[in-house]
Amino acid sequence: MKNRLMVHGALMAYTVLALFPIALILINSVKSREAIFDDPLALPTMASLTFVGFQKVLASTNFLLYFGNSLVVTLAALFCILLFGAMAAWALSEYSFKGNRVLMLFLAFGIMIPIRLGTVSILELMVKLDLVNTLTALVLVYTAQGLPLAVMILSEFMRQVPTELKDAARCDGVGEVRIFFQVVLPLIRPAIATVAVFTMIPAWNDLWFPLILAPSDRTKTVTLGVQQFIGQYVTDWNSVLAALSLAVIPMLVLYALFSRQLIRGLTAGAVK
């Protein structure tokens, strides 16, 4: 009982520590500038409560466009990562062919080596393909960034799918494509949710590649759009915190939707 209380206490402390920055942003986004600097940890009062930051963000900027760009890029990249990653994982885990292990090693290097090291080469490639200042460039980069991890996670889960199920489907005349979509994918939903969470958050929060590949006002993402409120001498903290509050909501919603499957994916195999 004592050990259980200690574990729950440690988990609760970590939860508070993880949620504290988000709560701090949400609280200060509806406070006046003076109240933010006077006591950033205090809850807003009737005197300090203000929505001027949200009004500026929504009325005087193209924040909704930036929000839509981030949403399109993240969802498109997530779809490509899950689809192509699952297909590659199925091929590597189900079929034996020459170069199988070499491909797995190549994907492992993709996890270990940060994609930002290839920024110059990626920019040169996007210029040659005439994809600079397009959302397609960001989708391609984030897909390439997330595929190695997706393939490694999904392939391990696919190896745990009972062979009897797949053989029974083949005996009934079911094709490999239908086995993949109707038998294998439903059984590895926890792994898919795990990959989704681990890949969508870096894509949504990224500032590096939007700044380099899509800096135009038409293709800016949320994280890049927030930068316009940060000046060299004066920073509009009400607008910054309001924009960050609006930007963090989709990730919280998606994480809540995937949380149960995520936990199942992370703990799969931990208990017999």
Protein backbone atom coordinates (compact mmCIF):
# COMPACT_ATOMS: atom_id res chain seq x y z
CA MET A 1 0.00 0.00 0.00
CA LYS A 2 2.82 2.38 0.87
CA ASN A 3 4.61 1.69 -2.42
CA ARG A 4 1.38 2.25 -4.31
CA LEU A 5 0.87 5.62 -2.64
CA MET A 6 4.45 6.61 -3.47
CA VAL A 7 3.96 5.67 -7.12
CA HIS A 8 0.70 7.61 -7.34
CA GLY A 9 2.30 10.58 -5.58
CA ALA A 10 5.22 10.59 -8.02
CA LEU A 11 2.86 10.36 -11.01
CA MET A 12 0.70 13.16 -9.63
CA ALA A 13 3.76 15.36 -9.11
CA TYR A 14 4.94 14.71 -12.65
CA THR A 15 1.45 15.49 -14.00
CA VAL A 16 1.39 18.82 -12.20
CA LEU A 17 4.89 19.61 -13.47
CA ALA A 18 3.93 18.75 -17.06
CA LEU A 19 0.64 20.69 -17.05
CA PHE A 20 1.98 23.74 -15.18
CA PRO A 21 3.35 25.59 -18.26
CA ILE A 22 0.09 25.04 -20.17
CA ALA A 23 -1.98 26.24 -17.22
CA LEU A 24 0.29 29.27 -16.85
CA ILE A 25 -0.24 30.21 -20.50
CA LEU A 26 -4.01 29.79 -20.30
CA ILE A 27 -4.29 31.79 -17.06
CA ASN A 28 -2.17 34.72 -18.24
CA SER A 29 -3.79 34.86 -21.68
CA VAL A 30 -6.90 36.44 -20.11
CA LYS A 31 -5.06 38.87 -17.83
CA SER A 32 -3.95 42.44 -18.45
CA ARG A 33 -0.30 43.14 -19.18
CA GLU A 34 0.18 44.74 -15.77
CA ALA A 35 -1.33 41.74 -13.98
CA ILE A 36 0.87 39.35 -15.92
CA PHE A 37 4.03 41.06 -14.68
CA ASP A 38 2.74 41.80 -11.18
CA ASP A 39 1.86 38.20 -10.35
CA PRO A 40 1.99 35.67 -13.22
CA LEU A 41 0.87 32.83 -10.94
CA ALA A 42 -2.32 34.55 -9.75
CA LEU A 43 -5.72 33.76 -11.20
CA PRO A 44 -7.43 36.57 -13.14
CA THR A 45 -9.73 38.84 -11.17
CA MET A 46 -12.56 41.06 -12.37
CA ALA A 47 -10.12 43.95 -12.49
CA SER A 48 -7.40 42.11 -14.42
CA LEU A 49 -9.64 39.97 -16.67
CA THR A 50 -9.33 40.96 -20.32
CA PHE A 51 -9.68 39.33 -23.73
CA VAL A 52 -7.80 42.02 -25.62
CA GLY A 53 -5.14 39.52 -26.66
CA PHE A 54 -7.67 37.23 -28.32
CA GLN A 55 -9.33 40.22 -30.00
CA LYS A 56 -6.03 41.37 -31.49
CA VAL A 57 -5.09 37.89 -32.63
CA LEU A 58 -8.41 37.13 -34.31
CA ALA A 59 -9.22 40.61 -35.67
CA SER A 60 -5.92 42.16 -36.73
CA THR A 61 -3.97 39.15 -38.01
CA ASN A 62 -4.41 36.16 -40.29
CA PHE A 63 -4.28 33.80 -37.33
CA LEU A 64 -7.16 31.66 -38.61
CA LEU A 65 -5.23 31.17 -41.86
CA TYR A 66 -2.09 30.22 -39.93
CA PHE A 67 -4.16 27.87 -37.77
CA GLY A 68 -5.66 26.26 -40.86
CA ASN A 69 -2.21 25.86 -42.44
CA SER A 70 -0.89 24.09 -39.35
CA LEU A 71 -3.95 21.86 -39.23
CA VAL A 72 -3.67 20.91 -42.92
CA VAL A 73 0.06 20.24 -42.72
CA THR A 74 -0.17 18.21 -39.50
CA LEU A 75 -3.12 16.08 -40.59
CA ALA A 76 -1.73 15.49 -44.09
CA ALA A 77 1.68 14.52 -42.74
CA LEU A 78 0.04 12.30 -40.11
CA PHE A 79 -2.03 10.53 -42.77
CA CYS A 80 1.04 9.90 -44.94
CA ILE A 81 3.13 8.72 -42.00
CA LEU A 82 0.50 6.27 -40.79
CA LEU A 83 -0.35 4.94 -44.25
CA PHE A 84 3.14 4.60 -45.71
CA GLY A 85 4.67 3.67 -42.37
CA ALA A 86 2.15 0.87 -41.84
CA MET A 87 2.66 -0.41 -45.39
CA ALA A 88 6.43 -0.41 -45.02
CA ALA A 89 6.20 -2.04 -41.60
CA TRP A 90 3.93 -4.75 -43.04
CA ALA A 91 6.41 -5.48 -45.83
CA LEU A 92 9.41 -5.60 -43.50
CA SER A 93 7.74 -7.70 -40.81
CA GLU A 94 5.72 -10.11 -42.95
CA TYR A 95 7.91 -10.90 -45.94
CA SER A 96 11.49 -12.11 -46.09
CA PHE A 97 13.52 -10.64 -48.94
CA LYS A 98 17.08 -9.66 -49.69
CA GLY A 99 17.99 -6.39 -48.02
CA ASN A 100 15.35 -6.61 -45.29
CA ARG A 101 17.79 -6.05 -42.45
CA VAL A 102 19.63 -3.36 -44.38
CA LEU A 103 16.40 -1.40 -44.74
CA MET A 104 15.67 -1.73 -41.02
CA LEU A 105 19.18 -0.46 -40.23
CA PHE A 106 18.67 2.44 -42.63
CA LEU A 107 15.43 3.37 -40.85
CA ALA A 108 17.19 3.14 -37.48
CA PHE A 109 19.72 5.73 -38.72
CA GLY A 110 16.74 7.91 -39.64
CA ILE A 111 15.75 7.95 -35.98
CA MET A 112 19.23 8.64 -34.66
CA ILE A 113 20.22 11.42 -37.09
CA PRO A 114 18.23 14.69 -36.74
CA ILE A 115 16.59 15.78 -39.99
CA ARG A 116 17.67 19.38 -39.36
CA LEU A 117 21.23 18.39 -40.29
CA GLY A 118 20.03 18.13 -43.87
CA THR A 119 18.34 21.52 -43.95
CA VAL A 120 20.57 22.95 -46.69
CA SER A 121 20.06 19.93 -48.94
CA ILE A 122 16.32 19.92 -48.27
CA LEU A 123 16.08 23.61 -49.16
CA GLU A 124 18.04 23.07 -52.38
CA LEU A 125 15.73 20.18 -53.30
CA MET A 126 12.60 22.21 -52.61
CA VAL A 127 13.93 25.07 -54.74
CA LYS A 128 14.57 22.69 -57.65
CA LEU A 129 11.07 21.22 -57.26
CA ASP A 130 9.57 24.74 -56.99
CA LEU A 131 7.94 23.87 -53.65
CA VAL A 132 9.26 26.76 -51.56
CA ASN A 133 6.44 28.67 -49.85
CA THR A 134 4.03 25.78 -50.26
CA LEU A 135 2.41 23.57 -47.63
CA THR A 136 3.42 20.54 -49.71
CA ALA A 137 7.06 21.11 -48.78
CA LEU A 138 6.24 20.97 -45.07
CA VAL A 139 4.10 17.85 -45.50
CA LEU A 140 6.93 16.06 -47.31
CA VAL A 141 9.52 17.04 -44.70
CA TYR A 142 7.36 16.01 -41.73
CA THR A 143 6.45 12.75 -43.45
CA ALA A 144 10.13 11.95 -43.97
CA GLN A 145 10.84 12.95 -40.38
CA GLY A 146 8.15 10.69 -38.88
CA LEU A 147 8.42 7.61 -41.10
CA PRO A 148 11.47 5.93 -39.47
CA LEU A 149 9.94 5.92 -35.99
CA ALA A 150 6.56 4.87 -37.37
CA VAL A 151 8.00 1.91 -39.25
CA MET A 152 10.04 0.73 -36.27
CA ILE A 153 7.09 0.87 -33.85
CA LEU A 154 4.48 -0.58 -36.21
CA SER A 155 6.71 -3.40 -37.44
CA GLU A 156 7.26 -4.62 -33.87
CA PHE A 157 3.52 -4.68 -33.23
CA MET A 158 2.80 -6.40 -36.54
CA ARG A 159 5.18 -9.21 -35.63
CA GLN A 160 2.96 -9.90 -32.60
CA VAL A 161 -0.17 -10.43 -34.73
CA PRO A 162 -0.91 -14.19 -34.61
CA THR A 163 0.17 -15.95 -37.80
CA GLU A 164 -2.90 -18.18 -37.54
CA LEU A 165 -5.21 -15.23 -38.22
CA LYS A 166 -3.38 -14.25 -41.38
CA ASP A 167 -3.10 -17.84 -42.61
CA ALA A 168 -6.80 -18.42 -41.97
CA ALA A 169 -7.64 -15.35 -44.04
CA ARG A 170 -5.40 -16.54 -46.86
CA CYS A 171 -7.06 -19.95 -46.80
CA ASP A 172 -10.42 -18.20 -47.24
CA GLY A 173 -9.10 -16.50 -50.36
CA VAL A 174 -8.58 -13.07 -48.84
CA GLY A 175 -5.94 -11.01 -50.65
CA GLU A 176 -2.91 -9.47 -49.00
CA VAL A 177 -4.32 -5.94 -49.27
CA ARG A 178 -7.54 -6.89 -47.47
CA ILE A 179 -5.56 -8.79 -44.83
CA PHE A 180 -3.49 -5.67 -44.23
CA PHE A 181 -6.44 -3.27 -43.94
CA GLN A 182 -9.10 -5.52 -42.38
CA VAL A 183 -7.11 -7.91 -40.19
CA VAL A 184 -3.77 -6.37 -39.24
CA LEU A 185 -4.52 -2.65 -38.88
CA PRO A 186 -7.51 -3.07 -36.51
CA LEU A 187 -5.34 -5.21 -34.23
CA ILE A 188 -2.56 -2.63 -33.93
CA ARG A 189 -4.69 0.43 -33.16
CA PRO A 190 -2.73 1.15 -29.93
CA ALA A 191 0.48 1.29 -31.95
CA ILE A 192 -1.12 3.57 -34.52
CA ALA A 193 -2.28 5.92 -31.76
CA THR A 194 1.22 5.92 -30.26
CA VAL A 195 2.77 6.82 -33.60
CA ALA A 196 0.11 9.50 -34.17
CA VAL A 197 0.87 11.27 -30.88
CA PHE A 198 4.65 11.04 -31.28
CA THR A 199 4.57 12.47 -34.81
CA MET A 200 1.80 15.07 -34.78
CA ILE A 201 3.14 17.09 -31.83
CA PRO A 202 6.59 17.79 -33.39
CA ALA A 203 4.94 18.70 -36.70
CA TRP A 204 2.47 21.09 -35.05
CA ASN A 205 5.06 22.76 -32.81
CA ASP A 206 7.87 23.02 -35.36
CA LEU A 207 9.26 26.47 -36.12
CA TRP A 208 12.44 25.58 -38.01
CA PHE A 209 11.11 24.28 -41.32
CA PRO A 210 8.16 26.72 -41.65
CA LEU A 211 10.65 29.57 -41.18
CA ILE A 212 12.94 28.19 -43.91
CA LEU A 213 10.59 26.52 -46.38
CA ALA A 214 7.31 28.43 -46.02
CA PRO A 215 7.85 31.91 -44.53
CA SER A 216 5.35 33.77 -46.73
CA ASP A 217 2.23 35.17 -45.12
CA ARG A 218 0.09 32.81 -47.21
CA THR A 219 1.80 29.66 -45.90
CA LYS A 220 2.75 30.60 -42.33
CA THR A 221 1.92 28.13 -39.58
CA VAL A 222 0.74 28.93 -36.06
CA THR A 223 4.18 28.80 -34.48
CA LEU A 224 5.59 31.13 -37.13
CA GLY A 225 2.59 33.45 -36.92
CA VAL A 226 3.11 33.94 -33.18
CA GLN A 227 6.53 35.44 -33.87
CA GLN A 228 5.00 38.61 -35.31
CA PHE A 229 3.92 39.62 -31.80
CA ILE A 230 7.48 39.34 -30.49
CA GLY A 231 9.54 42.46 -31.19
CA GLN A 232 13.14 43.38 -30.58
CA TYR A 233 12.19 46.05 -28.02
CA VAL A 234 8.49 45.51 -27.25
CA THR A 235 6.56 42.24 -27.02
CA ASP A 236 2.77 42.10 -27.02
CA TRP A 237 2.47 39.43 -24.35
CA ASN A 238 -1.33 39.45 -24.35
CA SER A 239 -1.37 38.53 -28.04
CA VAL A 240 1.48 36.04 -27.68
CA LEU A 241 -0.21 34.17 -24.84
CA ALA A 242 -3.60 34.29 -26.57
CA ALA A 243 -2.12 32.86 -29.76
CA LEU A 244 -0.31 30.15 -27.82
CA SER A 245 -3.54 29.28 -25.98
CA LEU A 246 -5.41 28.87 -29.26
CA ALA A 247 -2.54 26.86 -30.70
CA VAL A 248 -2.33 24.39 -27.81
CA ILE A 249 -6.04 23.50 -27.79
CA PRO A 250 -5.99 21.17 -30.86
CA MET A 251 -3.10 19.15 -29.45
CA LEU A 252 -4.89 18.74 -26.12
CA VAL A 253 -8.05 17.56 -27.92
CA LEU A 254 -6.19 15.10 -30.15
CA TYR A 255 -4.16 13.82 -27.21
CA ALA A 256 -7.37 13.27 -25.24
CA LEU A 257 -8.85 11.33 -28.16
CA PHE A 258 -5.76 9.14 -28.55
CA SER A 259 -4.84 8.86 -24.86
CA ARG A 260 -6.45 5.49 -24.13
CA GLN A 261 -4.96 3.85 -27.22
CA LEU A 262 -1.63 5.56 -26.50
CA ILE A 263 -1.43 4.07 -23.02
CA ARG A 264 -2.31 0.64 -24.37
CA GLY A 265 0.41 0.99 -26.97
CA LEU A 266 3.06 2.08 -24.49
CA THR A 267 2.23 -0.69 -22.02
CA ALA A 268 1.71 -3.50 -24.54
CA GLY A 269 3.78 -6.50 -23.53
CA ALA A 270 4.58 -5.07 -20.09
CA VAL A 271 2.10 -7.35 -18.33
CA LYS A 272 1.63 -11.00 -19.11
